[in-house]
Amino acid sequence: MKSDNFLIFQPAKSAMQSGIGKSEKWCLSNSVANETFINSVFCWTGSSNPEQNLTLFFDTLESAVRYAESKKLDFEIIETKKRKIIKKSYSKNFIK
């Protein structure tokens, strides 16, 4: 097995979204933070790990796990917490 650790999780919605649409995808991403270096001539940041920014998206958790197992990757599943939806009514602002 490879020594890299991968995470399988559902990414959070962006701050620009108010709804929960399109948040069902599962993400497989590399969790190892390797050394980065800064090139003094061009001032860009590099890494010794080419898979550092590799992110794969899957429709289901099972397909992400199946892919990781087929590639013999060490992975950890991070379960998402269910969001508690509080229904609010505009009319409640005026009731005392």
C-alpha atoms as a PDB file:
ATOM      1  CA  MET A   1       0.000   0.000   0.000  1.00  0.00           C
ATOM      2  CA  LYS A   2       1.045   3.554  -0.571  1.00  0.00           C
ATOM      3  CA  SER A   3       2.085   5.641   2.421  1.00  0.00           C
ATOM      4  CA  ASP A   4      -0.078   8.623   1.437  1.00  0.00           C
ATOM      5  CA  ASN A   5      -3.274   9.190   3.360  1.00  0.00           C
ATOM      6  CA  PHE A   6      -6.393  10.224   1.504  1.00  0.00           C
ATOM      7  CA  LEU A   7      -9.609  11.688   2.813  1.00  0.00           C
ATOM      8  CA  ILE A   8     -13.101  10.937   1.542  1.00  0.00           C
ATOM      9  CA  PHE A   9     -15.568  13.665   2.489  1.00  0.00           C
ATOM     10  CA  GLN A  10     -18.403  15.859   1.280  1.00  0.00           C
ATOM     11  CA  PRO A  11     -17.078  19.365   0.644  1.00  0.00           C
ATOM     12  CA  ALA A  12     -18.796  22.250   2.394  1.00  0.00           C
ATOM     13  CA  LYS A  13     -20.875  24.690   0.445  1.00  0.00           C
ATOM     14  CA  SER A  14     -19.255  27.975  -0.419  1.00  0.00           C
ATOM     15  CA  ALA A  15     -20.080  31.145   1.480  1.00  0.00           C
ATOM     16  CA  MET A  16     -21.809  32.481  -1.623  1.00  0.00           C
ATOM     17  CA  GLN A  17     -24.471  29.761  -1.481  1.00  0.00           C
ATOM     18  CA  SER A  18     -27.544  29.927   0.704  1.00  0.00           C
ATOM     19  CA  GLY A  19     -29.063  26.584  -0.271  1.00  0.00           C
ATOM     20  CA  ILE A  20     -27.786  23.044  -0.079  1.00  0.00           C
ATOM     21  CA  GLY A  21     -28.175  22.191  -3.761  1.00  0.00           C
ATOM     22  CA  LYS A  22     -25.331  20.374  -5.504  1.00  0.00           C
ATOM     23  CA  SER A  23     -23.761  19.388  -2.181  1.00  0.00           C
ATOM     24  CA  GLU A  24     -24.253  15.637  -2.561  1.00  0.00           C
ATOM     25  CA  LYS A  25     -20.897  14.916  -4.235  1.00  0.00           C
ATOM     26  CA  TRP A  26     -18.130  13.061  -2.392  1.00  0.00           C
ATOM     27  CA  CYS A  27     -14.512  14.153  -2.667  1.00  0.00           C
ATOM     28  CA  LEU A  28     -11.326  12.060  -2.575  1.00  0.00           C
ATOM     29  CA  SER A  29      -8.340  14.229  -1.775  1.00  0.00           C
ATOM     30  CA  ASN A  30      -4.760  13.865  -0.591  1.00  0.00           C
ATOM     31  CA  SER A  31      -4.356  14.832   3.065  1.00  0.00           C
ATOM     32  CA  VAL A  32      -0.560  14.710   3.300  1.00  0.00           C
ATOM     33  CA  ALA A  33       1.067  18.109   3.680  1.00  0.00           C
ATOM     34  CA  ASN A  34       4.483  17.802   2.070  1.00  0.00           C
ATOM     35  CA  GLU A  35       7.246  20.331   2.160  1.00  0.00           C
ATOM     36  CA  THR A  36       6.743  23.325  -0.060  1.00  0.00           C
ATOM     37  CA  PHE A  37       9.457  25.582  -1.348  1.00  0.00           C
ATOM     38  CA  ILE A  38       9.569  29.076  -2.813  1.00  0.00           C
ATOM     39  CA  ASN A  39      11.547  29.743  -5.945  1.00  0.00           C
ATOM     40  CA  SER A  40      13.614  32.867  -5.285  1.00  0.00           C
ATOM     41  CA  VAL A  41      13.835  33.862  -8.955  1.00  0.00           C
ATOM     42  CA  PHE A  42      10.193  33.551 -10.026  1.00  0.00           C
ATOM     43  CA  CYS A  43       8.553  33.755  -6.551  1.00  0.00           C
ATOM     44  CA  TRP A  44       6.233  30.798  -7.102  1.00  0.00           C
ATOM     45  CA  THR A  45       5.556  28.035  -4.612  1.00  0.00           C
ATOM     46  CA  GLY A  46       6.362  24.444  -5.458  1.00  0.00           C
ATOM     47  CA  SER A  47       5.937  21.084  -3.769  1.00  0.00           C
ATOM     48  CA  SER A  48       7.703  17.747  -3.773  1.00  0.00           C
ATOM     49  CA  ASN A  49       4.336  15.977  -4.108  1.00  0.00           C
ATOM     50  CA  PRO A  50       2.677  16.165  -7.540  1.00  0.00           C
ATOM     51  CA  GLU A  51      -0.561  14.732  -6.090  1.00  0.00           C
ATOM     52  CA  GLN A  52      -0.907  17.517  -3.504  1.00  0.00           C
ATOM     53  CA  ASN A  53      -3.762  19.307  -5.259  1.00  0.00           C
ATOM     54  CA  LEU A  54      -5.347  16.204  -6.752  1.00  0.00           C
ATOM     55  CA  THR A  55      -9.075  16.069  -5.998  1.00  0.00           C
ATOM     56  CA  LEU A  56     -11.547  13.591  -7.459  1.00  0.00           C
ATOM     57  CA  PHE A  57     -15.329  13.896  -7.159  1.00  0.00           C
ATOM     58  CA  PHE A  58     -17.786  10.990  -7.009  1.00  0.00           C
ATOM     59  CA  ASP A  59     -21.567  10.793  -6.971  1.00  0.00           C
ATOM     60  CA  THR A  60     -21.735   8.350  -4.055  1.00  0.00           C
ATOM     61  CA  LEU A  61     -19.637   7.369  -1.064  1.00  0.00           C
ATOM     62  CA  GLU A  62     -19.569   3.769  -2.250  1.00  0.00           C
ATOM     63  CA  SER A  63     -18.036   4.695  -5.599  1.00  0.00           C
ATOM     64  CA  ALA A  64     -15.345   6.778  -3.881  1.00  0.00           C
ATOM     65  CA  VAL A  65     -14.496   3.900  -1.525  1.00  0.00           C
ATOM     66  CA  ARG A  66     -14.498   1.423  -4.410  1.00  0.00           C
ATOM     67  CA  TYR A  67     -12.074   3.621  -6.381  1.00  0.00           C
ATOM     68  CA  ALA A  68      -9.718   4.072  -3.393  1.00  0.00           C
ATOM     69  CA  GLU A  69      -9.715   0.330  -2.699  1.00  0.00           C
ATOM     70  CA  SER A  70      -9.062  -0.503  -6.350  1.00  0.00           C
ATOM     71  CA  LYS A  71      -6.008   1.790  -6.336  1.00  0.00           C
ATOM     72  CA  LYS A  72      -4.878   0.392  -2.934  1.00  0.00           C
ATOM     73  CA  LEU A  73      -4.972   3.803  -1.254  1.00  0.00           C
ATOM     74  CA  ASP A  74      -5.020   4.333   2.499  1.00  0.00           C
ATOM     75  CA  PHE A  75      -8.072   6.458   3.165  1.00  0.00           C
ATOM     76  CA  GLU A  76     -10.208   7.841   5.954  1.00  0.00           C
ATOM     77  CA  ILE A  77     -13.905   8.662   5.650  1.00  0.00           C
ATOM     78  CA  ILE A  78     -15.115  11.859   7.280  1.00  0.00           C
ATOM     79  CA  GLU A  79     -18.872  11.703   7.793  1.00  0.00           C
ATOM     80  CA  THR A  80     -20.777  14.945   7.429  1.00  0.00           C
ATOM     81  CA  LYS A  81     -22.955  16.273  10.192  1.00  0.00           C
ATOM     82  CA  LYS A  82     -26.563  16.784   9.225  1.00  0.00           C
ATOM     83  CA  ARG A  83     -27.539  20.416   9.033  1.00  0.00           C
ATOM     84  CA  LYS A  84     -30.378  21.473  11.301  1.00  0.00           C
ATOM     85  CA  ILE A  85     -32.755  23.582   9.251  1.00  0.00           C
ATOM     86  CA  ILE A  86     -34.708  26.154  11.227  1.00  0.00           C
ATOM     87  CA  LYS A  87     -37.768  27.370   9.385  1.00  0.00           C
ATOM     88  CA  LYS A  88     -38.159  31.099   9.750  1.00  0.00           C
ATOM     89  CA  SER A  89     -41.116  33.240   8.872  1.00  0.00           C
ATOM     90  CA  TYR A  90     -40.973  36.911   8.035  1.00  0.00           C
ATOM     91  CA  SER A  91     -44.235  37.492   9.876  1.00  0.00           C
ATOM     92  CA  LYS A  92     -42.654  36.446  13.209  1.00  0.00           C
ATOM     93  CA  ASN A  93     -40.694  39.713  13.187  1.00  0.00           C
ATOM     94  CA  PHE A  94     -43.919  41.610  13.922  1.00  0.00           C
ATOM     95  CA  ILE A  95     -45.553  39.309  16.495  1.00  0.00           C
ATOM     96  CA  LYS A  96     -44.891  40.132  20.127  1.00  0.00           C
END
